[in-house]
Amino acid sequence: MLTILLAMLEDEEDQRKFLKLHTAYEQKLYRIALKILRSHELAEDAVQQS
């Protein structure tokens, strides 16, 4: 999914910015999901689906 989104961005600068945002929010989403679900596997699945 991430690869598809990056392919939609033509400019390398836009790709870099998107990856920076994705990384920052992915980590936050994972921590929140882990607190709620109390399972590393379920939290990882939830973040990947979001």
N, C-alpha and C. Protein backbone atom coordinates (compact mmCIF):
# COMPACT_ATOMS: atom_id res chain seq x y z
N MET A 1 0.82 -1.20 0.00
CA MET A 1 0.00 0.00 0.00
C MET A 1 0.87 1.26 0.00
N LEU A 2 1.89 1.27 0.81
CA LEU A 2 2.77 2.44 0.88
C LEU A 2 3.45 2.68 -0.46
N THR A 3 3.86 1.62 -1.12
CA THR A 3 4.51 1.73 -2.42
C THR A 3 3.58 2.37 -3.44
N ILE A 4 2.32 2.01 -3.40
CA ILE A 4 1.33 2.57 -4.32
C ILE A 4 1.17 4.07 -4.07
N LEU A 5 1.08 4.44 -2.81
CA LEU A 5 0.94 5.86 -2.48
C LEU A 5 2.16 6.66 -2.92
N LEU A 6 3.33 6.11 -2.72
CA LEU A 6 4.55 6.81 -3.13
C LEU A 6 4.61 6.95 -4.66
N ALA A 7 4.16 5.94 -5.37
CA ALA A 7 4.17 5.99 -6.83
C ALA A 7 3.26 7.09 -7.36
N MET A 8 2.24 7.43 -6.60
CA MET A 8 1.31 8.47 -7.02
C MET A 8 1.94 9.86 -6.92
N LEU A 9 2.97 9.97 -6.10
CA LEU A 9 3.67 11.25 -5.94
C LEU A 9 4.82 11.30 -6.93
N GLU A 10 4.79 12.25 -7.82
CA GLU A 10 5.81 12.32 -8.87
C GLU A 10 7.10 12.97 -8.40
N ASP A 11 7.01 13.91 -7.52
CA ASP A 11 8.16 14.68 -7.06
C ASP A 11 8.86 13.95 -5.91
N GLU A 12 10.18 13.83 -5.98
CA GLU A 12 10.94 13.16 -4.91
C GLU A 12 10.81 13.89 -3.59
N GLU A 13 10.71 15.20 -3.63
CA GLU A 13 10.55 16.00 -2.41
C GLU A 13 9.22 15.66 -1.74
N ASP A 14 8.16 15.52 -2.53
CA ASP A 14 6.86 15.14 -1.99
C ASP A 14 6.91 13.73 -1.40
N GLN A 15 7.61 12.83 -2.05
CA GLN A 15 7.76 11.47 -1.53
C GLN A 15 8.48 11.48 -0.18
N ARG A 16 9.54 12.28 -0.10
CA ARG A 16 10.31 12.38 1.15
C ARG A 16 9.44 12.92 2.28
N LYS A 17 8.67 13.97 1.99
CA LYS A 17 7.79 14.57 2.99
C LYS A 17 6.72 13.58 3.44
N PHE A 18 6.15 12.84 2.47
CA PHE A 18 5.12 11.86 2.80
C PHE A 18 5.69 10.77 3.71
N LEU A 19 6.88 10.26 3.38
CA LEU A 19 7.49 9.22 4.20
C LEU A 19 7.77 9.71 5.62
N LYS A 20 8.18 10.96 5.74
CA LYS A 20 8.45 11.53 7.07
C LYS A 20 7.15 11.57 7.89
N LEU A 21 6.08 12.03 7.28
CA LEU A 21 4.78 12.06 7.98
C LEU A 21 4.29 10.66 8.30
N HIS A 22 4.41 9.77 7.35
CA HIS A 22 3.95 8.39 7.54
C HIS A 22 4.67 7.74 8.72
N THR A 23 5.97 7.91 8.75
CA THR A 23 6.77 7.31 9.83
C THR A 23 6.37 7.87 11.19
N ALA A 24 6.22 9.17 11.27
CA ALA A 24 5.87 9.82 12.53
C ALA A 24 4.50 9.35 13.04
N TYR A 25 3.53 9.31 12.16
CA TYR A 25 2.19 8.93 12.60
C TYR A 25 2.03 7.43 12.78
N GLU A 26 2.78 6.64 12.03
CA GLU A 26 2.71 5.19 12.19
C GLU A 26 3.15 4.80 13.60
N GLN A 27 4.20 5.41 14.09
CA GLN A 27 4.68 5.12 15.43
C GLN A 27 3.67 5.53 16.50
N LYS A 28 3.05 6.68 16.32
CA LYS A 28 2.04 7.14 17.28
C LYS A 28 0.81 6.23 17.25
N LEU A 29 0.36 5.87 16.05
CA LEU A 29 -0.79 4.98 15.93
C LEU A 29 -0.51 3.63 16.57
N TYR A 30 0.71 3.13 16.38
CA TYR A 30 1.06 1.84 16.96
C TYR A 30 1.00 1.90 18.48
N ARG A 31 1.55 2.94 19.07
CA ARG A 31 1.52 3.06 20.54
C ARG A 31 0.09 3.13 21.07
N ILE A 32 -0.76 3.86 20.39
CA ILE A 32 -2.16 3.97 20.81
C ILE A 32 -2.86 2.63 20.66
N ALA A 33 -2.66 1.99 19.51
CA ALA A 33 -3.30 0.68 19.27
C ALA A 33 -2.82 -0.35 20.28
N LEU A 34 -1.56 -0.31 20.63
CA LEU A 34 -1.02 -1.25 21.61
C LEU A 34 -1.66 -1.04 22.98
N LYS A 35 -1.86 0.20 23.37
CA LYS A 35 -2.51 0.48 24.66
C LYS A 35 -3.94 -0.05 24.66
N ILE A 36 -4.62 0.10 23.55
CA ILE A 36 -6.02 -0.33 23.47
C ILE A 36 -6.13 -1.85 23.34
N LEU A 37 -5.36 -2.42 22.43
CA LEU A 37 -5.50 -3.85 22.10
C LEU A 37 -4.66 -4.77 22.98
N ARG A 38 -3.60 -4.23 23.58
CA ARG A 38 -2.70 -4.98 24.47
C ARG A 38 -2.11 -6.22 23.81
N SER A 39 -1.85 -6.10 22.53
CA SER A 39 -1.23 -7.19 21.77
C SER A 39 -0.40 -6.57 20.66
N HIS A 40 0.87 -6.94 20.61
CA HIS A 40 1.75 -6.38 19.58
C HIS A 40 1.26 -6.76 18.19
N GLU A 41 0.84 -8.00 18.03
CA GLU A 41 0.39 -8.46 16.72
C GLU A 41 -0.87 -7.73 16.27
N LEU A 42 -1.84 -7.60 17.17
CA LEU A 42 -3.08 -6.91 16.82
C LEU A 42 -2.84 -5.42 16.56
N ALA A 43 -1.97 -4.82 17.33
CA ALA A 43 -1.65 -3.40 17.14
C ALA A 43 -0.98 -3.19 15.79
N GLU A 44 -0.06 -4.06 15.44
CA GLU A 44 0.61 -3.94 14.15
C GLU A 44 -0.37 -4.10 13.00
N ASP A 45 -1.27 -5.09 13.12
CA ASP A 45 -2.29 -5.28 12.09
C ASP A 45 -3.20 -4.06 11.96
N ALA A 46 -3.59 -3.50 13.09
CA ALA A 46 -4.48 -2.34 13.08
C ALA A 46 -3.83 -1.14 12.38
N VAL A 47 -2.55 -0.93 12.65
CA VAL A 47 -1.83 0.20 12.04
C VAL A 47 -1.67 -0.03 10.54
N GLN A 48 -1.37 -1.25 10.15
CA GLN A 48 -1.20 -1.54 8.73
C GLN A 48 -2.50 -1.36 7.97
N GLN A 49 -3.62 -1.61 8.61
CA GLN A 49 -4.91 -1.47 7.95
C GLN A 49 -5.40 -0.02 7.91
N SER A 50 -4.82 0.82 8.75
CA SER A 50 -5.29 2.21 8.78
C SER A 50 -4.67 3.05 7.70
